[in-house]
Amino acid sequence: MQILVLLIFLIAWLFIFWLGAIAFEITGLERSKARFQSLSALSGTGFTTSEAESIVNHPGRRRIATWLIFIGNTGIIVFILILILYLRNGLMSPTLPHIIIVILPLLVLMLSMRFGIVNKLSSVIVRSFRKKEVASRLVLDELLLKTGEYGIARLSVKWRENMPNFKLKDYNLPGKEFSILAIERNDNILPFPGENKLLLEGDRLLCYGKLTELPVSDSQTT
């Protein structure tokens, strides 16, 4: 029973670390940096780096780090108290079922990391939250061409301060029949951009699709 409690603590710690890394990544941090900063905050280890400054100077990331530091310190105190109680009462030798129960979750976790399942799940969660973040920020600048229910339009994003950089695939574009023809960036035209193309502040999208699926009211499409 004692070893099961310690295993639960380990799994919970890893789970919180993973969630913290995802939260940092949603704010725009690169994945390896997000995981490093999550580990740093959760373990209470500070590093004087430009990445650490980006955490402190960003309100959302600062809140995430605060919670990770609090949970990490509280968890360490509770873990030490439980360990002291177990030592006072005497540790029991683990039975074979206990050993199997401990090894199986760790084995599943190692295999998930080895085959990239954790990374894929992280990408799905981050992309989902980023789509929610920008879905309401796509607005119509100009309707360039209308042929029946379809047309070519120029869309832009309502940019805000400290908004993380999103790739084109992170934008929740409406409908399956909606295509990005080009990106207008200053005086340049970037034709047929790939889904991994990074969008910058001031970019506008030339799109072709069903007009009823545009993120505007009907009065703007008439």
C-alpha atoms as a PDB file:
ATOM      1  CA  MET A   1       0.000   0.000   0.000  1.00  0.00           C
ATOM      2  CA  GLN A   2       2.826   2.391   0.857  1.00  0.00           C
ATOM      3  CA  ILE A   3       4.527   1.989  -2.495  1.00  0.00           C
ATOM      4  CA  LEU A   4       1.198   2.596  -4.265  1.00  0.00           C
ATOM      5  CA  VAL A   5       0.830   5.941  -2.492  1.00  0.00           C
ATOM      6  CA  LEU A   6       4.336   6.938  -3.589  1.00  0.00           C
ATOM      7  CA  LEU A   7       3.498   5.862  -7.154  1.00  0.00           C
ATOM      8  CA  ILE A   8       0.359   8.010  -7.114  1.00  0.00           C
ATOM      9  CA  PHE A   9       2.458  10.982  -6.037  1.00  0.00           C
ATOM     10  CA  LEU A  10       4.934  10.343  -8.854  1.00  0.00           C
ATOM     11  CA  ILE A  11       2.213  10.040 -11.500  1.00  0.00           C
ATOM     12  CA  ALA A  12       0.438  13.155 -10.199  1.00  0.00           C
ATOM     13  CA  TRP A  13       3.712  15.104 -10.287  1.00  0.00           C
ATOM     14  CA  LEU A  14       4.409  14.052 -13.876  1.00  0.00           C
ATOM     15  CA  PHE A  15       0.840  14.879 -14.883  1.00  0.00           C
ATOM     16  CA  ILE A  16       1.042  18.388 -13.383  1.00  0.00           C
ATOM     17  CA  PHE A  17       4.421  18.902 -15.054  1.00  0.00           C
ATOM     18  CA  TRP A  18       2.898  17.899 -18.409  1.00  0.00           C
ATOM     19  CA  LEU A  19      -0.132  20.177 -17.973  1.00  0.00           C
ATOM     20  CA  GLY A  20       2.132  23.063 -16.996  1.00  0.00           C
ATOM     21  CA  ALA A  21       4.249  22.558 -20.112  1.00  0.00           C
ATOM     22  CA  ILE A  22       1.113  22.514 -22.279  1.00  0.00           C
ATOM     23  CA  ALA A  23      -0.134  25.714 -20.627  1.00  0.00           C
ATOM     24  CA  PHE A  24       3.178  27.445 -21.346  1.00  0.00           C
ATOM     25  CA  GLU A  25       3.136  26.187 -24.932  1.00  0.00           C
ATOM     26  CA  ILE A  26      -0.360  27.552 -25.505  1.00  0.00           C
ATOM     27  CA  THR A  27       0.963  31.018 -24.634  1.00  0.00           C
ATOM     28  CA  GLY A  28       3.490  30.747 -27.474  1.00  0.00           C
ATOM     29  CA  LEU A  29       6.578  29.120 -25.935  1.00  0.00           C
ATOM     30  CA  GLU A  30       8.392  26.506 -27.996  1.00  0.00           C
ATOM     31  CA  ARG A  31       7.779  22.979 -26.640  1.00  0.00           C
ATOM     32  CA  SER A  32      11.240  22.224 -25.269  1.00  0.00           C
ATOM     33  CA  LYS A  33      11.397  25.614 -23.564  1.00  0.00           C
ATOM     34  CA  ALA A  34       7.870  25.189 -22.205  1.00  0.00           C
ATOM     35  CA  ARG A  35       8.777  21.863 -20.633  1.00  0.00           C
ATOM     36  CA  PHE A  36      12.000  23.258 -19.198  1.00  0.00           C
ATOM     37  CA  GLN A  37      10.192  26.209 -17.603  1.00  0.00           C
ATOM     38  CA  SER A  38       7.458  23.926 -16.250  1.00  0.00           C
ATOM     39  CA  LEU A  39      10.084  21.690 -14.658  1.00  0.00           C
ATOM     40  CA  SER A  40      11.912  24.729 -13.304  1.00  0.00           C
ATOM     41  CA  ALA A  41       8.780  26.185 -11.669  1.00  0.00           C
ATOM     42  CA  LEU A  42       7.431  22.885 -10.338  1.00  0.00           C
ATOM     43  CA  SER A  43      10.765  21.887  -8.796  1.00  0.00           C
ATOM     44  CA  GLY A  44      11.419  25.369  -7.428  1.00  0.00           C
ATOM     45  CA  THR A  45      14.640  25.751  -9.429  1.00  0.00           C
ATOM     46  CA  GLY A  46      15.185  29.181 -10.947  1.00  0.00           C
ATOM     47  CA  PHE A  47      17.343  30.066 -13.937  1.00  0.00           C
ATOM     48  CA  THR A  48      18.367  33.589 -14.942  1.00  0.00           C
ATOM     49  CA  THR A  49      17.807  33.366 -18.678  1.00  0.00           C
ATOM     50  CA  SER A  50      15.960  35.289 -21.352  1.00  0.00           C
ATOM     51  CA  GLU A  51      13.311  32.553 -21.312  1.00  0.00           C
ATOM     52  CA  ALA A  52      12.772  33.132 -17.580  1.00  0.00           C
ATOM     53  CA  GLU A  53      12.337  36.845 -18.279  1.00  0.00           C
ATOM     54  CA  SER A  54       9.733  35.995 -20.903  1.00  0.00           C
ATOM     55  CA  ILE A  55       7.811  34.147 -18.169  1.00  0.00           C
ATOM     56  CA  VAL A  56       7.987  37.007 -15.668  1.00  0.00           C
ATOM     57  CA  ASN A  57       7.062  39.685 -18.220  1.00  0.00           C
ATOM     58  CA  HIS A  58       4.049  37.775 -19.565  1.00  0.00           C
ATOM     59  CA  PRO A  59       0.928  37.959 -17.310  1.00  0.00           C
ATOM     60  CA  GLY A  60      -0.482  34.599 -18.406  1.00  0.00           C
ATOM     61  CA  ARG A  61       2.806  32.751 -18.083  1.00  0.00           C
ATOM     62  CA  ARG A  62       3.446  34.413 -14.728  1.00  0.00           C
ATOM     63  CA  ARG A  63       0.151  33.042 -13.389  1.00  0.00           C
ATOM     64  CA  ILE A  64       0.995  29.558 -14.673  1.00  0.00           C
ATOM     65  CA  ALA A  65       4.442  29.675 -13.039  1.00  0.00           C
ATOM     66  CA  THR A  66       2.921  30.899  -9.762  1.00  0.00           C
ATOM     67  CA  TRP A  67       0.550  27.946  -9.583  1.00  0.00           C
ATOM     68  CA  LEU A  68       3.285  25.475 -10.516  1.00  0.00           C
ATOM     69  CA  ILE A  69       5.579  26.843  -7.805  1.00  0.00           C
ATOM     70  CA  PHE A  70       2.782  26.665  -5.223  1.00  0.00           C
ATOM     71  CA  ILE A  71       1.742  23.123  -6.196  1.00  0.00           C
ATOM     72  CA  GLY A  72       5.361  21.963  -6.352  1.00  0.00           C
ATOM     73  CA  ASN A  73       6.286  23.280  -2.897  1.00  0.00           C
ATOM     74  CA  THR A  74       3.047  22.032  -1.331  1.00  0.00           C
ATOM     75  CA  GLY A  75       3.502  18.609  -2.905  1.00  0.00           C
ATOM     76  CA  ILE A  76       7.058  18.284  -1.591  1.00  0.00           C
ATOM     77  CA  ILE A  77       5.928  19.121   1.955  1.00  0.00           C
ATOM     78  CA  VAL A  78       3.060  16.596   1.836  1.00  0.00           C
ATOM     79  CA  PHE A  79       5.350  13.941   0.352  1.00  0.00           C
ATOM     80  CA  ILE A  80       7.931  14.417   3.124  1.00  0.00           C
ATOM     81  CA  LEU A  81       5.247  14.255   5.839  1.00  0.00           C
ATOM     82  CA  ILE A  82       3.810  11.022   4.439  1.00  0.00           C
ATOM     83  CA  LEU A  83       7.276   9.529   4.091  1.00  0.00           C
ATOM     84  CA  ILE A  84       8.070  10.392   7.729  1.00  0.00           C
ATOM     85  CA  LEU A  85       4.840   8.737   8.885  1.00  0.00           C
ATOM     86  CA  TYR A  86       5.658   5.607   6.890  1.00  0.00           C
ATOM     87  CA  LEU A  87       9.184   5.487   8.323  1.00  0.00           C
ATOM     88  CA  ARG A  88       7.858   5.800  11.878  1.00  0.00           C
ATOM     89  CA  ASN A  89       5.351   3.006  11.340  1.00  0.00           C
ATOM     90  CA  GLY A  90       7.830   0.853   9.449  1.00  0.00           C
ATOM     91  CA  LEU A  91       8.054   0.200   5.753  1.00  0.00           C
ATOM     92  CA  MET A  92       6.483  -2.958   4.401  1.00  0.00           C
ATOM     93  CA  SER A  93       8.111  -5.040   1.689  1.00  0.00           C
ATOM     94  CA  PRO A  94       6.150  -4.757  -1.566  1.00  0.00           C
ATOM     95  CA  THR A  95       4.325  -7.843  -2.739  1.00  0.00           C
ATOM     96  CA  LEU A  96       4.462  -9.135  -6.315  1.00  0.00           C
ATOM     97  CA  PRO A  97       1.081  -7.558  -7.283  1.00  0.00           C
ATOM     98  CA  HIS A  98       2.311  -4.230  -5.916  1.00  0.00           C
ATOM     99  CA  ILE A  99       5.488  -4.472  -7.971  1.00  0.00           C
ATOM    100  CA  ILE A 100       3.491  -5.263 -11.116  1.00  0.00           C
ATOM    101  CA  ILE A 101       1.119  -2.345 -10.462  1.00  0.00           C
ATOM    102  CA  VAL A 102       4.098  -0.017 -10.107  1.00  0.00           C
ATOM    103  CA  ILE A 103       5.965  -1.256 -13.174  1.00  0.00           C
ATOM    104  CA  LEU A 104       2.989  -1.246 -15.576  1.00  0.00           C
ATOM    105  CA  PRO A 105       2.191   2.505 -15.426  1.00  0.00           C
ATOM    106  CA  LEU A 106       5.871   3.404 -15.717  1.00  0.00           C
ATOM    107  CA  LEU A 107       6.237   1.048 -18.681  1.00  0.00           C
ATOM    108  CA  VAL A 108       3.178   2.555 -20.396  1.00  0.00           C
ATOM    109  CA  LEU A 109       4.554   6.049 -19.798  1.00  0.00           C
ATOM    110  CA  MET A 110       7.981   5.141 -21.224  1.00  0.00           C
ATOM    111  CA  LEU A 111       6.429   3.538 -24.318  1.00  0.00           C
ATOM    112  CA  SER A 112       4.144   6.545 -24.832  1.00  0.00           C
ATOM    113  CA  MET A 113       7.145   8.854 -24.793  1.00  0.00           C
ATOM    114  CA  ARG A 114       9.192   6.502 -26.970  1.00  0.00           C
ATOM    115  CA  PHE A 115       6.564   6.334 -29.736  1.00  0.00           C
ATOM    116  CA  GLY A 116       5.657  10.034 -29.574  1.00  0.00           C
ATOM    117  CA  ILE A 117       2.157   9.541 -28.176  1.00  0.00           C
ATOM    118  CA  VAL A 118       2.730  12.191 -25.490  1.00  0.00           C
ATOM    119  CA  ASN A 119       3.946  14.706 -28.085  1.00  0.00           C
ATOM    120  CA  LYS A 120       0.996  14.015 -30.383  1.00  0.00           C
ATOM    121  CA  LEU A 121      -1.492  14.403 -27.536  1.00  0.00           C
ATOM    122  CA  SER A 122       0.217  17.635 -26.475  1.00  0.00           C
ATOM    123  CA  SER A 123      -0.042  18.963 -30.038  1.00  0.00           C
ATOM    124  CA  VAL A 124      -3.759  18.155 -30.210  1.00  0.00           C
ATOM    125  CA  ILE A 125      -4.476  19.944 -26.916  1.00  0.00           C
ATOM    126  CA  VAL A 126      -2.362  22.992 -27.776  1.00  0.00           C
ATOM    127  CA  ARG A 127      -3.898  23.287 -31.248  1.00  0.00           C
ATOM    128  CA  SER A 128      -7.399  22.991 -29.814  1.00  0.00           C
ATOM    129  CA  PHE A 129      -6.833  25.802 -27.313  1.00  0.00           C
ATOM    130  CA  ARG A 130      -5.115  27.983 -29.902  1.00  0.00           C
ATOM    131  CA  LYS A 131      -8.031  27.566 -32.277  1.00  0.00           C
ATOM    132  CA  LYS A 132     -10.386  28.730 -29.536  1.00  0.00           C
ATOM    133  CA  GLU A 133      -8.055  31.659 -28.928  1.00  0.00           C
ATOM    134  CA  VAL A 134      -8.099  32.914 -32.510  1.00  0.00           C
ATOM    135  CA  ALA A 135     -11.459  31.674 -33.792  1.00  0.00           C
ATOM    136  CA  SER A 136     -13.227  34.885 -32.766  1.00  0.00           C
ATOM    137  CA  ARG A 137     -10.383  37.085 -34.070  1.00  0.00           C
ATOM    138  CA  LEU A 138     -10.758  36.361 -37.784  1.00  0.00           C
ATOM    139  CA  VAL A 139     -12.664  39.240 -39.356  1.00  0.00           C
ATOM    140  CA  LEU A 140     -13.538  40.285 -42.891  1.00  0.00           C
ATOM    141  CA  ASP A 141     -11.568  43.187 -44.339  1.00  0.00           C
ATOM    142  CA  GLU A 142     -12.968  43.142 -47.853  1.00  0.00           C
ATOM    143  CA  LEU A 143     -15.071  40.965 -50.139  1.00  0.00           C
ATOM    144  CA  LEU A 144     -13.156  40.939 -53.438  1.00  0.00           C
ATOM    145  CA  LEU A 145     -15.279  38.632 -55.607  1.00  0.00           C
ATOM    146  CA  LYS A 146     -18.673  36.983 -55.244  1.00  0.00           C
ATOM    147  CA  THR A 147     -20.008  34.204 -57.484  1.00  0.00           C
ATOM    148  CA  GLY A 148     -23.172  32.700 -56.088  1.00  0.00           C
ATOM    149  CA  GLU A 149     -22.570  31.275 -52.620  1.00  0.00           C
ATOM    150  CA  TYR A 150     -18.790  31.440 -53.015  1.00  0.00           C
ATOM    151  CA  GLY A 151     -16.297  34.254 -53.191  1.00  0.00           C
ATOM    152  CA  ILE A 152     -12.803  35.555 -52.558  1.00  0.00           C
ATOM    153  CA  ALA A 153     -12.319  37.599 -49.400  1.00  0.00           C
ATOM    154  CA  ARG A 154      -9.543  39.286 -47.496  1.00  0.00           C
ATOM    155  CA  LEU A 155      -9.451  38.335 -43.801  1.00  0.00           C
ATOM    156  CA  SER A 156      -7.365  39.748 -40.980  1.00  0.00           C
ATOM    157  CA  VAL A 157      -6.749  38.880 -37.359  1.00  0.00           C
ATOM    158  CA  LYS A 158      -7.540  41.188 -34.462  1.00  0.00           C
ATOM    159  CA  TRP A 159      -4.061  41.243 -32.967  1.00  0.00           C
ATOM    160  CA  ARG A 160      -3.511  42.057 -29.303  1.00  0.00           C
ATOM    161  CA  GLU A 161      -0.492  42.777 -27.168  1.00  0.00           C
ATOM    162  CA  ASN A 162       1.532  39.717 -26.118  1.00  0.00           C
ATOM    163  CA  MET A 163      -0.410  37.544 -28.572  1.00  0.00           C
ATOM    164  CA  PRO A 164       1.690  34.435 -29.319  1.00  0.00           C
ATOM    165  CA  ASN A 165       2.727  33.691 -32.874  1.00  0.00           C
ATOM    166  CA  PHE A 166       0.393  31.200 -34.507  1.00  0.00           C
ATOM    167  CA  LYS A 167       0.935  28.985 -37.494  1.00  0.00           C
ATOM    168  CA  LEU A 168      -1.659  28.851 -40.227  1.00  0.00           C
ATOM    169  CA  LYS A 169      -2.835  25.427 -39.027  1.00  0.00           C
ATOM    170  CA  ASP A 170      -3.662  26.941 -35.625  1.00  0.00           C
ATOM    171  CA  TYR A 171      -6.419  29.105 -37.110  1.00  0.00           C
ATOM    172  CA  ASN A 172      -9.890  27.676 -36.948  1.00  0.00           C
ATOM    173  CA  LEU A 173     -10.853  28.338 -40.563  1.00  0.00           C
ATOM    174  CA  PRO A 174     -14.550  27.790 -41.258  1.00  0.00           C
ATOM    175  CA  GLY A 175     -15.681  24.825 -43.324  1.00  0.00           C
ATOM    176  CA  LYS A 176     -13.920  22.189 -45.416  1.00  0.00           C
ATOM    177  CA  GLU A 177     -14.472  24.191 -48.610  1.00  0.00           C
ATOM    178  CA  PHE A 178     -12.367  27.081 -47.372  1.00  0.00           C
ATOM    179  CA  SER A 179      -8.913  27.640 -48.902  1.00  0.00           C
ATOM    180  CA  ILE A 180      -6.061  30.062 -48.233  1.00  0.00           C
ATOM    181  CA  LEU A 181      -4.874  31.478 -51.566  1.00  0.00           C
ATOM    182  CA  ALA A 182      -2.159  33.784 -50.253  1.00  0.00           C
ATOM    183  CA  ILE A 183      -0.847  35.822 -47.345  1.00  0.00           C
ATOM    184  CA  GLU A 184      -0.451  39.569 -47.766  1.00  0.00           C
ATOM    185  CA  ARG A 185       2.548  40.727 -45.731  1.00  0.00           C
ATOM    186  CA  ASN A 186       3.387  44.409 -46.151  1.00  0.00           C
ATOM    187  CA  ASP A 187       4.041  44.792 -49.896  1.00  0.00           C
ATOM    188  CA  ASN A 188       4.716  41.101 -50.480  1.00  0.00           C
ATOM    189  CA  ILE A 189       2.388  38.279 -51.522  1.00  0.00           C
ATOM    190  CA  LEU A 190       3.087  34.765 -50.219  1.00  0.00           C
ATOM    191  CA  PRO A 191       1.088  32.435 -52.509  1.00  0.00           C
ATOM    192  CA  PHE A 192      -0.399  29.104 -51.390  1.00  0.00           C
ATOM    193  CA  PRO A 193       1.175  29.044 -47.894  1.00  0.00           C
ATOM    194  CA  GLY A 194       1.631  25.733 -46.109  1.00  0.00           C
ATOM    195  CA  GLU A 195      -0.085  24.959 -42.832  1.00  0.00           C
ATOM    196  CA  ASN A 196       3.181  25.458 -40.914  1.00  0.00           C
ATOM    197  CA  LYS A 197       3.591  29.026 -42.161  1.00  0.00           C
ATOM    198  CA  LEU A 198       3.980  31.437 -39.255  1.00  0.00           C
ATOM    199  CA  LEU A 199       1.615  34.403 -39.311  1.00  0.00           C
ATOM    200  CA  LEU A 200       2.859  37.809 -38.154  1.00  0.00           C
ATOM    201  CA  GLU A 201       1.122  40.912 -36.911  1.00  0.00           C
ATOM    202  CA  GLY A 202      -0.354  42.800 -39.837  1.00  0.00           C
ATOM    203  CA  ASP A 203      -0.733  39.757 -42.088  1.00  0.00           C
ATOM    204  CA  ARG A 204      -3.938  39.408 -44.073  1.00  0.00           C
ATOM    205  CA  LEU A 205      -5.331  36.259 -45.661  1.00  0.00           C
ATOM    206  CA  LEU A 206      -6.723  36.006 -49.177  1.00  0.00           C
ATOM    207  CA  CYS A 207      -9.284  33.212 -48.943  1.00  0.00           C
ATOM    208  CA  TYR A 208     -11.748  31.408 -51.170  1.00  0.00           C
ATOM    209  CA  GLY A 209     -14.782  29.721 -49.691  1.00  0.00           C
ATOM    210  CA  LYS A 210     -18.471  29.720 -48.980  1.00  0.00           C
ATOM    211  CA  LEU A 211     -19.584  33.225 -48.053  1.00  0.00           C
ATOM    212  CA  THR A 212     -22.047  32.020 -45.438  1.00  0.00           C
ATOM    213  CA  GLU A 213     -19.124  30.502 -43.533  1.00  0.00           C
ATOM    214  CA  LEU A 214     -17.186  33.762 -43.296  1.00  0.00           C
ATOM    215  CA  PRO A 215     -16.796  35.155 -39.755  1.00  0.00           C
ATOM    216  CA  VAL A 216     -19.016  38.180 -40.484  1.00  0.00           C
ATOM    217  CA  SER A 217     -22.674  39.088 -40.377  1.00  0.00           C
ATOM    218  CA  ASP A 218     -24.924  38.717 -43.434  1.00  0.00           C
ATOM    219  CA  SER A 219     -25.086  42.478 -43.850  1.00  0.00           C
ATOM    220  CA  GLN A 220     -21.357  42.568 -44.536  1.00  0.00           C
ATOM    221  CA  THR A 221     -21.536  40.032 -47.353  1.00  0.00           C
ATOM    222  CA  THR A 222     -24.285  41.745 -49.319  1.00  0.00           C
END
